[in-house]
C-alpha atoms as a PDB file:
ATOM      1  CA  MET A   1      37.167 -23.919 -51.242  1.00  0.00           C
ATOM      2  CA  LYS A   2      40.252 -23.853 -53.435  1.00  0.00           C
ATOM      3  CA  GLY A   3      43.453 -24.068 -51.405  1.00  0.00           C
ATOM      4  CA  THR A   4      46.615 -22.083 -51.978  1.00  0.00           C
ATOM      5  CA  ASP A   5      50.260 -23.151 -51.917  1.00  0.00           C
ATOM      6  CA  ASP A   6      50.639 -21.336 -48.601  1.00  0.00           C
ATOM      7  CA  GLN A   7      47.753 -23.323 -47.124  1.00  0.00           C
ATOM      8  CA  ALA A   8      49.270 -26.578 -48.343  1.00  0.00           C
ATOM      9  CA  ILE A   9      52.608 -25.707 -46.748  1.00  0.00           C
ATOM     10  CA  ALA A  10      50.891 -24.845 -43.457  1.00  0.00           C
ATOM     11  CA  CYS A  11      49.041 -28.164 -43.484  1.00  0.00           C
ATOM     12  CA  ARG A  12      52.214 -30.153 -44.212  1.00  0.00           C
ATOM     13  CA  ARG A  13      54.014 -28.441 -41.334  1.00  0.00           C
ATOM     14  CA  GLY A  14      51.084 -29.017 -39.010  1.00  0.00           C
ATOM     15  CA  THR A  15      50.834 -25.319 -38.256  1.00  0.00           C
ATOM     16  CA  ALA A  16      48.183 -22.686 -38.827  1.00  0.00           C
ATOM     17  CA  LEU A  17      48.276 -18.931 -38.880  1.00  0.00           C
ATOM     18  CA  ASN A  18      46.603 -17.366 -35.846  1.00  0.00           C
ATOM     19  CA  VAL A  19      44.236 -14.548 -36.794  1.00  0.00           C
ATOM     20  CA  LEU A  20      42.077 -12.273 -34.636  1.00  0.00           C
ATOM     21  CA  ILE A  21      38.879 -11.026 -36.303  1.00  0.00           C
ATOM     22  CA  VAL A  22      37.688  -7.694 -34.880  1.00  0.00           C
ATOM     23  CA  GLU A  23      34.219  -6.954 -36.260  1.00  0.00           C
ATOM     24  CA  ASP A  24      31.056  -5.651 -34.577  1.00  0.00           C
ATOM     25  CA  SER A  25      28.664  -7.320 -37.039  1.00  0.00           C
ATOM     26  CA  ALA A  26      27.917 -10.742 -35.551  1.00  0.00           C
ATOM     27  CA  ARG A  27      26.883 -12.097 -38.938  1.00  0.00           C
ATOM     28  CA  LEU A  28      30.083 -11.032 -40.704  1.00  0.00           C
ATOM     29  CA  ARG A  29      32.241 -11.960 -37.722  1.00  0.00           C
ATOM     30  CA  ASP A  30      30.867 -15.503 -37.664  1.00  0.00           C
ATOM     31  CA  SER A  31      31.113 -15.810 -41.444  1.00  0.00           C
ATOM     32  CA  LEU A  32      34.743 -14.731 -41.432  1.00  0.00           C
ATOM     33  CA  SER A  33      35.545 -17.065 -38.554  1.00  0.00           C
ATOM     34  CA  ARG A  34      34.037 -20.062 -40.343  1.00  0.00           C
ATOM     35  CA  GLY A  35      35.590 -19.178 -43.675  1.00  0.00           C
ATOM     36  CA  LEU A  36      39.091 -18.556 -42.350  1.00  0.00           C
ATOM     37  CA  THR A  37      38.980 -21.717 -40.243  1.00  0.00           C
ATOM     38  CA  ALA A  38      38.019 -23.680 -43.352  1.00  0.00           C
ATOM     39  CA  ALA A  39      40.903 -21.994 -45.191  1.00  0.00           C
ATOM     40  CA  GLY A  40      43.416 -23.309 -42.666  1.00  0.00           C
ATOM     41  CA  PHE A  41      43.668 -20.459 -40.155  1.00  0.00           C
ATOM     42  CA  THR A  42      43.132 -20.563 -36.401  1.00  0.00           C
ATOM     43  CA  ALA A  43      40.587 -17.818 -35.811  1.00  0.00           C
ATOM     44  CA  ASP A  44      39.521 -15.931 -32.681  1.00  0.00           C
ATOM     45  CA  SER A  45      37.104 -13.021 -32.714  1.00  0.00           C
ATOM     46  CA  ALA A  46      36.222  -9.854 -30.822  1.00  0.00           C
ATOM     47  CA  ALA A  47      33.142  -7.656 -31.173  1.00  0.00           C
ATOM     48  CA  ASN A  48      34.694  -4.339 -30.088  1.00  0.00           C
ATOM     49  CA  GLY A  49      37.995  -2.561 -29.648  1.00  0.00           C
ATOM     50  CA  ILE A  50      38.326  -3.115 -25.914  1.00  0.00           C
ATOM     51  CA  ALA A  51      37.835  -6.870 -26.283  1.00  0.00           C
ATOM     52  CA  ALA A  52      40.333  -6.851 -29.159  1.00  0.00           C
ATOM     53  CA  CYS A  53      42.988  -5.187 -26.990  1.00  0.00           C
ATOM     54  CA  GLN A  54      42.386  -7.733 -24.248  1.00  0.00           C
ATOM     55  CA  HIS A  55      42.932 -10.556 -26.745  1.00  0.00           C
ATOM     56  CA  LEU A  56      46.069  -8.889 -28.127  1.00  0.00           C
ATOM     57  CA  ASP A  57      47.492  -8.382 -24.628  1.00  0.00           C
ATOM     58  CA  THR A  58      46.833 -12.000 -23.674  1.00  0.00           C
ATOM     59  CA  TYR A  59      47.491 -14.092 -26.787  1.00  0.00           C
ATOM     60  CA  GLU A  60      49.911 -14.029 -29.705  1.00  0.00           C
ATOM     61  CA  TYR A  61      48.533 -13.518 -33.198  1.00  0.00           C
ATOM     62  CA  GLU A  62      50.303 -13.346 -36.529  1.00  0.00           C
ATOM     63  CA  LEU A  63      47.397 -11.502 -38.156  1.00  0.00           C
ATOM     64  CA  VAL A  64      44.471  -9.225 -37.300  1.00  0.00           C
ATOM     65  CA  VAL A  65      41.449  -8.435 -39.474  1.00  0.00           C
ATOM     66  CA  LEU A  66      40.269  -5.097 -38.093  1.00  0.00           C
ATOM     67  CA  ASP A  67      37.094  -3.103 -38.711  1.00  0.00           C
ATOM     68  CA  LEU A  68      37.334   0.638 -38.072  1.00  0.00           C
ATOM     69  CA  GLY A  69      33.745   1.391 -37.039  1.00  0.00           C
ATOM     70  CA  LEU A  70      33.704  -0.398 -33.693  1.00  0.00           C
ATOM     71  CA  PRO A  71      31.660   0.503 -30.606  1.00  0.00           C
ATOM     72  CA  GLY A  72      33.541   2.001 -27.673  1.00  0.00           C
ATOM     73  CA  MET A  73      37.150   1.970 -28.833  1.00  0.00           C
ATOM     74  CA  ASP A  74      37.257   2.148 -32.629  1.00  0.00           C
ATOM     75  CA  GLY A  75      39.738   0.488 -34.969  1.00  0.00           C
ATOM     76  CA  LEU A  76      42.108   3.462 -34.879  1.00  0.00           C
ATOM     77  CA  GLY A  77      42.184   3.104 -31.102  1.00  0.00           C
ATOM     78  CA  VAL A  78      43.279  -0.518 -31.506  1.00  0.00           C
ATOM     79  CA  LEU A  79      46.049   0.605 -33.860  1.00  0.00           C
ATOM     80  CA  ARG A  80      47.188   3.163 -31.288  1.00  0.00           C
ATOM     81  CA  HIS A  81      47.182   0.449 -28.620  1.00  0.00           C
ATOM     82  CA  LEU A  82      49.659  -1.565 -30.682  1.00  0.00           C
ATOM     83  CA  GLN A  83      51.977   1.292 -31.623  1.00  0.00           C
ATOM     84  CA  GLY A  84      55.510   1.028 -30.314  1.00  0.00           C
ATOM     85  CA  ARG A  85      55.437  -2.712 -29.679  1.00  0.00           C
ATOM     86  CA  ALA A  86      58.617  -4.497 -30.687  1.00  0.00           C
ATOM     87  CA  ALA A  87      56.616  -7.454 -31.957  1.00  0.00           C
ATOM     88  CA  ARG A  88      53.077  -7.069 -33.179  1.00  0.00           C
ATOM     89  CA  PRO A  89      50.764  -8.842 -35.603  1.00  0.00           C
ATOM     90  CA  ARG A  90      50.272  -7.752 -39.193  1.00  0.00           C
ATOM     91  CA  ILE A  91      46.999  -5.837 -39.441  1.00  0.00           C
ATOM     92  CA  LEU A  92      44.567  -5.853 -42.350  1.00  0.00           C
ATOM     93  CA  VAL A  93      41.870  -3.186 -42.011  1.00  0.00           C
ATOM     94  CA  LEU A  94      38.535  -4.375 -43.420  1.00  0.00           C
ATOM     95  CA  SER A  95      36.217  -1.396 -43.575  1.00  0.00           C
ATOM     96  CA  ALA A  96      33.325   0.160 -45.475  1.00  0.00           C
ATOM     97  CA  ARG A  97      35.166   3.500 -45.334  1.00  0.00           C
ATOM     98  CA  ASP A  98      36.394   3.921 -48.882  1.00  0.00           C
ATOM     99  CA  GLN A  99      37.904   7.403 -48.870  1.00  0.00           C
ATOM    100  CA  ILE A 100      41.606   7.755 -49.620  1.00  0.00           C
ATOM    101  CA  SER A 101      42.003   9.803 -46.431  1.00  0.00           C
ATOM    102  CA  ASP A 102      40.666   6.853 -44.390  1.00  0.00           C
ATOM    103  CA  ARG A 103      43.168   4.493 -45.997  1.00  0.00           C
ATOM    104  CA  VAL A 104      46.083   6.875 -45.541  1.00  0.00           C
ATOM    105  CA  ASP A 105      45.165   7.522 -41.898  1.00  0.00           C
ATOM    106  CA  ALA A 106      44.941   3.802 -41.063  1.00  0.00           C
ATOM    107  CA  LEU A 107      48.187   2.963 -42.874  1.00  0.00           C
ATOM    108  CA  ASN A 108      50.035   5.823 -41.219  1.00  0.00           C
ATOM    109  CA  ARG A 109      48.815   4.606 -37.814  1.00  0.00           C
ATOM    110  CA  GLY A 110      50.299   1.153 -38.339  1.00  0.00           C
ATOM    111  CA  ALA A 111      47.918  -0.879 -40.513  1.00  0.00           C
ATOM    112  CA  ASP A 112      49.706  -3.095 -43.044  1.00  0.00           C
ATOM    113  CA  ASP A 113      46.881  -3.453 -45.567  1.00  0.00           C
ATOM    114  CA  TYR A 114      43.430  -2.032 -46.265  1.00  0.00           C
ATOM    115  CA  LEU A 115      40.510  -3.798 -47.953  1.00  0.00           C
ATOM    116  CA  VAL A 116      37.186  -2.074 -48.617  1.00  0.00           C
ATOM    117  CA  LYS A 117      33.811  -3.730 -48.025  1.00  0.00           C
ATOM    118  CA  PRO A 118      32.162  -5.365 -49.911  1.00  0.00           C
ATOM    119  CA  PHE A 119      35.088  -7.651 -50.636  1.00  0.00           C
ATOM    120  CA  SER A 120      36.077 -10.971 -52.165  1.00  0.00           C
ATOM    121  CA  PHE A 121      36.796 -13.631 -49.558  1.00  0.00           C
ATOM    122  CA  ASP A 122      39.433 -15.218 -51.812  1.00  0.00           C
ATOM    123  CA  GLU A 123      41.197 -11.851 -52.028  1.00  0.00           C
ATOM    124  CA  LEU A 124      41.063 -11.484 -48.249  1.00  0.00           C
ATOM    125  CA  VAL A 125      42.725 -14.888 -47.817  1.00  0.00           C
ATOM    126  CA  ALA A 126      45.389 -14.034 -50.391  1.00  0.00           C
ATOM    127  CA  ARG A 127      46.147 -10.735 -48.673  1.00  0.00           C
ATOM    128  CA  LEU A 128      46.463 -12.429 -45.274  1.00  0.00           C
ATOM    129  CA  HIS A 129      48.951 -14.924 -46.669  1.00  0.00           C
ATOM    130  CA  ALA A 130      50.900 -12.071 -48.259  1.00  0.00           C
ATOM    131  CA  LEU A 131      51.055 -10.314 -44.885  1.00  0.00           C
ATOM    132  CA  ALA A 132      52.210 -13.532 -43.229  1.00  0.00           C
ATOM    133  CA  ARG A 133      55.046 -13.803 -45.756  1.00  0.00           C
ATOM    134  CA  ARG A 134      56.057 -10.226 -44.966  1.00  0.00           C
ATOM    135  CA  SER A 135      56.124 -11.117 -41.247  1.00  0.00           C
ATOM    136  CA  LYS A 136      58.451 -14.001 -41.988  1.00  0.00           C
ATOM    137  CA  GLU A 137      60.768 -11.660 -43.884  1.00  0.00           C
ATOM    138  CA  ALA A 138      60.703  -9.267 -40.946  1.00  0.00           C
ATOM    139  CA  GLN A 139      62.205 -11.968 -38.714  1.00  0.00           C
ATOM    140  CA  ALA A 140      65.432 -11.740 -40.729  1.00  0.00           C
ATOM    141  CA  PRO A 141      68.586 -10.269 -39.165  1.00  0.00           C
ATOM    142  CA  GLN A 142      69.234  -6.547 -39.084  1.00  0.00           C
ATOM    143  CA  LEU A 143      69.750  -4.728 -42.364  1.00  0.00           C
ATOM    144  CA  THR A 144      72.831  -2.524 -42.245  1.00  0.00           C
ATOM    145  CA  LEU A 145      74.429   0.004 -44.562  1.00  0.00           C
ATOM    146  CA  GLY A 146      77.325   1.983 -43.188  1.00  0.00           C
ATOM    147  CA  ALA A 147      76.213   3.738 -40.013  1.00  0.00           C
ATOM    148  CA  LEU A 148      72.559   2.764 -40.587  1.00  0.00           C
ATOM    149  CA  ALA A 149      71.007  -0.296 -38.929  1.00  0.00           C
ATOM    150  CA  LEU A 150      67.383  -1.326 -39.470  1.00  0.00           C
ATOM    151  CA  ASP A 151      65.843  -4.006 -37.245  1.00  0.00           C
ATOM    152  CA  PRO A 152      62.822  -5.578 -39.030  1.00  0.00           C
ATOM    153  CA  ALA A 153      61.581  -7.381 -35.916  1.00  0.00           C
ATOM    154  CA  ALA A 154      61.799  -4.439 -33.513  1.00  0.00           C
ATOM    155  CA  ARG A 155      60.806  -2.057 -36.332  1.00  0.00           C
ATOM    156  CA  ASN A 156      63.376   0.557 -35.453  1.00  0.00           C
ATOM    157  CA  VAL A 157      66.212   2.332 -37.223  1.00  0.00           C
ATOM    158  CA  HIS A 158      69.476   3.624 -35.763  1.00  0.00           C
ATOM    159  CA  ILE A 159      72.141   5.803 -37.376  1.00  0.00           C
ATOM    160  CA  ASN A 160      75.430   5.961 -35.465  1.00  0.00           C
ATOM    161  CA  ASP A 161      73.543   4.353 -32.552  1.00  0.00           C
ATOM    162  CA  GLN A 162      71.028   7.226 -32.517  1.00  0.00           C
ATOM    163  CA  ALA A 163      67.359   6.311 -33.017  1.00  0.00           C
ATOM    164  CA  LEU A 164      65.734   7.644 -36.183  1.00  0.00           C
ATOM    165  CA  THR A 165      62.005   8.326 -35.811  1.00  0.00           C
ATOM    166  CA  LEU A 166      60.044   7.212 -38.892  1.00  0.00           C
ATOM    167  CA  THR A 167      56.355   6.784 -39.645  1.00  0.00           C
ATOM    168  CA  PRO A 168      55.243   3.166 -40.311  1.00  0.00           C
ATOM    169  CA  ARG A 169      55.158   3.811 -44.067  1.00  0.00           C
ATOM    170  CA  GLU A 170      58.571   5.506 -44.069  1.00  0.00           C
ATOM    171  CA  PHE A 171      59.980   2.523 -42.181  1.00  0.00           C
ATOM    172  CA  SER A 172      58.409   0.076 -44.650  1.00  0.00           C
ATOM    173  CA  LEU A 173      59.778   2.018 -47.629  1.00  0.00           C
ATOM    174  CA  LEU A 174      63.284   2.115 -46.173  1.00  0.00           C
ATOM    175  CA  GLU A 175      63.118  -1.603 -45.363  1.00  0.00           C
ATOM    176  CA  LEU A 176      61.927  -2.391 -48.902  1.00  0.00           C
ATOM    177  CA  LEU A 177      64.734  -0.436 -50.556  1.00  0.00           C
ATOM    178  CA  LEU A 178      67.414  -1.776 -48.199  1.00  0.00           C
ATOM    179  CA  ARG A 179      66.265  -5.367 -48.596  1.00  0.00           C
ATOM    180  CA  HIS A 180      66.436  -5.032 -52.384  1.00  0.00           C
ATOM    181  CA  ARG A 181      69.440  -2.759 -52.821  1.00  0.00           C
ATOM    182  CA  GLY A 182      70.188  -1.992 -56.443  1.00  0.00           C
ATOM    183  CA  ARG A 183      66.637  -2.627 -57.621  1.00  0.00           C
ATOM    184  CA  THR A 184      64.534   0.291 -58.822  1.00  0.00           C
ATOM    185  CA  PHE A 185      60.923   0.363 -57.619  1.00  0.00           C
ATOM    186  CA  SER A 186      58.305   2.317 -59.547  1.00  0.00           C
ATOM    187  CA  ARG A 187      55.733   4.440 -57.743  1.00  0.00           C
ATOM    188  CA  SER A 188      53.016   1.879 -58.461  1.00  0.00           C
ATOM    189  CA  GLU A 189      55.178  -0.949 -57.064  1.00  0.00           C
ATOM    190  CA  ILE A 190      55.848   1.052 -53.913  1.00  0.00           C
ATOM    191  CA  LEU A 191      52.135   1.713 -53.440  1.00  0.00           C
ATOM    192  CA  GLU A 192      51.346  -1.967 -53.877  1.00  0.00           C
ATOM    193  CA  ARG A 193      54.124  -3.166 -51.578  1.00  0.00           C
ATOM    194  CA  LEU A 194      53.464  -0.671 -48.799  1.00  0.00           C
ATOM    195  CA  ALA A 195      49.673  -0.572 -48.900  1.00  0.00           C
ATOM    196  CA  GLY A 196      49.347  -4.232 -49.865  1.00  0.00           C
ATOM    197  CA  CYS A 197      46.454  -3.309 -52.083  1.00  0.00           C
ATOM    198  CA  GLU A 198      45.419  -1.713 -55.325  1.00  0.00           C
ATOM    199  CA  SER A 199      45.570   1.859 -54.109  1.00  0.00           C
ATOM    200  CA  THR A 200      43.801   4.773 -55.736  1.00  0.00           C
ATOM    201  CA  ALA A 201      46.339   7.131 -54.203  1.00  0.00           C
ATOM    202  CA  SER A 202      48.232   9.291 -56.678  1.00  0.00           C
ATOM    203  CA  ASP A 203      51.919   9.229 -57.549  1.00  0.00           C
ATOM    204  CA  ARG A 204      52.154  12.426 -55.551  1.00  0.00           C
ATOM    205  CA  SER A 205      51.627  10.483 -52.309  1.00  0.00           C
ATOM    206  CA  VAL A 206      54.713   8.386 -53.078  1.00  0.00           C
ATOM    207  CA  GLU A 207      56.732  11.515 -53.859  1.00  0.00           C
ATOM    208  CA  VAL A 208      55.712  13.006 -50.507  1.00  0.00           C
ATOM    209  CA  LEU A 209      56.634   9.769 -48.722  1.00  0.00           C
ATOM    210  CA  VAL A 210      60.065   9.616 -50.387  1.00  0.00           C
ATOM    211  CA  PHE A 211      60.674  13.311 -49.672  1.00  0.00           C
ATOM    212  CA  GLY A 212      59.900  12.847 -45.968  1.00  0.00           C
ATOM    213  CA  LEU A 213      62.165   9.800 -45.676  1.00  0.00           C
ATOM    214  CA  ARG A 214      65.007  11.516 -47.530  1.00  0.00           C
ATOM    215  CA  ARG A 215      64.796  14.597 -45.322  1.00  0.00           C
ATOM    216  CA  LYS A 216      65.051  12.542 -42.132  1.00  0.00           C
ATOM    217  CA  LEU A 217      67.957  10.499 -43.492  1.00  0.00           C
ATOM    218  CA  GLU A 218      69.817  13.594 -44.627  1.00  0.00           C
ATOM    219  CA  GLN A 219      69.290  15.304 -41.265  1.00  0.00           C
ATOM    220  CA  ALA A 220      70.787  12.203 -39.632  1.00  0.00           C
ATOM    221  CA  GLY A 221      73.871  12.433 -41.856  1.00  0.00           C
ATOM    222  CA  MET A 222      73.110   9.731 -44.427  1.00  0.00           C
ATOM    223  CA  GLY A 223      73.206  12.078 -47.436  1.00  0.00           C
ATOM    224  CA  GLU A 224      71.518  11.015 -50.687  1.00  0.00           C
ATOM    225  CA  LEU A 225      70.807   7.441 -49.638  1.00  0.00           C
ATOM    226  CA  VAL A 226      67.526   7.083 -51.562  1.00  0.00           C
ATOM    227  CA  GLN A 227      68.091   7.940 -55.208  1.00  0.00           C
ATOM    228  CA  THR A 228      65.762   8.662 -58.121  1.00  0.00           C
ATOM    229  CA  ARG A 229      65.915   7.087 -61.570  1.00  0.00           C
ATOM    230  CA  ARG A 230      63.845   9.510 -63.611  1.00  0.00           C
ATOM    231  CA  GLY A 231      61.030   7.750 -65.428  1.00  0.00           C
ATOM    232  CA  PHE A 232      61.656   4.511 -63.509  1.00  0.00           C
ATOM    233  CA  GLY A 233      61.428   5.063 -59.749  1.00  0.00           C
ATOM    234  CA  TYR A 234      63.517   4.944 -56.581  1.00  0.00           C
ATOM    235  CA  LEU A 235      66.320   2.788 -55.219  1.00  0.00           C
ATOM    236  CA  ILE A 236      69.204   2.483 -52.776  1.00  0.00           C
ATOM    237  CA  PRO A 237      72.289   1.644 -54.873  1.00  0.00           C
ATOM    238  CA  LYS A 238      74.405  -1.398 -54.047  1.00  0.00           C
ATOM    239  CA  SER A 239      77.502   0.732 -53.796  1.00  0.00           C
END
C-alpha cells in the first residue's frame, strides 16, 4: 500500500494515530481494522453504539470512523454522547446514507467529515490524515479579536466573557475565518473545509450558515465581523 507523507512522519516519530472503528458489519469492520493498521494507524473497533461509547469513555482516540446504522444506539446517538466535551476525537461518518439531509444532520450534530459507501480506502486514509491535521491546529492557543475569544481546544467562544452558543458548523466557520483573517473563502472552499468532503450541498446552505453566524455575532455586539466580497466569498478583515 502506498504510504503518504503523514504516514512517514508518524513512523519517524514512532507514533501512530489512534482510531476507533464503529461498524456493525463484521466483514467491513475487520477489513478496515486490517487496512488502517497496515496504513500506520492503531485501530480498535466496536460493533454497536453502546460499545463505542464505552471505548470513548475509557480510552483516548484522535479519530473515529462511525457508521450511522448501528444496532441499539445508532451513530447519531454516539455523536450526542460526545457533544459538549472539551476534548473529543475527530469523527468521520462512513455511511450508506447518501441523502444531503443525512450529511447535514450528522455534520450539525458534531461529525467532522462524511464519506458515503461504497468508498475508496485510499480516500478514507487521506481524509483521516486531514482530520488529524485539523486536530493539531485546534491545539493552538486561543484566537482573539477585540472582545471575542475562540478556544479551539475547548471549542467554545466568548464575547466580553459571555459564552456564545454556536452550532458545530458555525464554530468551524468562525474558527476558519479567524485563523485566516484577511483571506476570502469562496462558498465551495467553505463547504470543502467544513464538511471535509466533496459536498453536493448548494451555495444556499453556505449562505444560511453565514447568515446564522452573523446574526449571533451581531446580537452579541460584534457588528459586521464576517464580511462579504461579492463574487468572491466571505472573510474577516485583518483590520
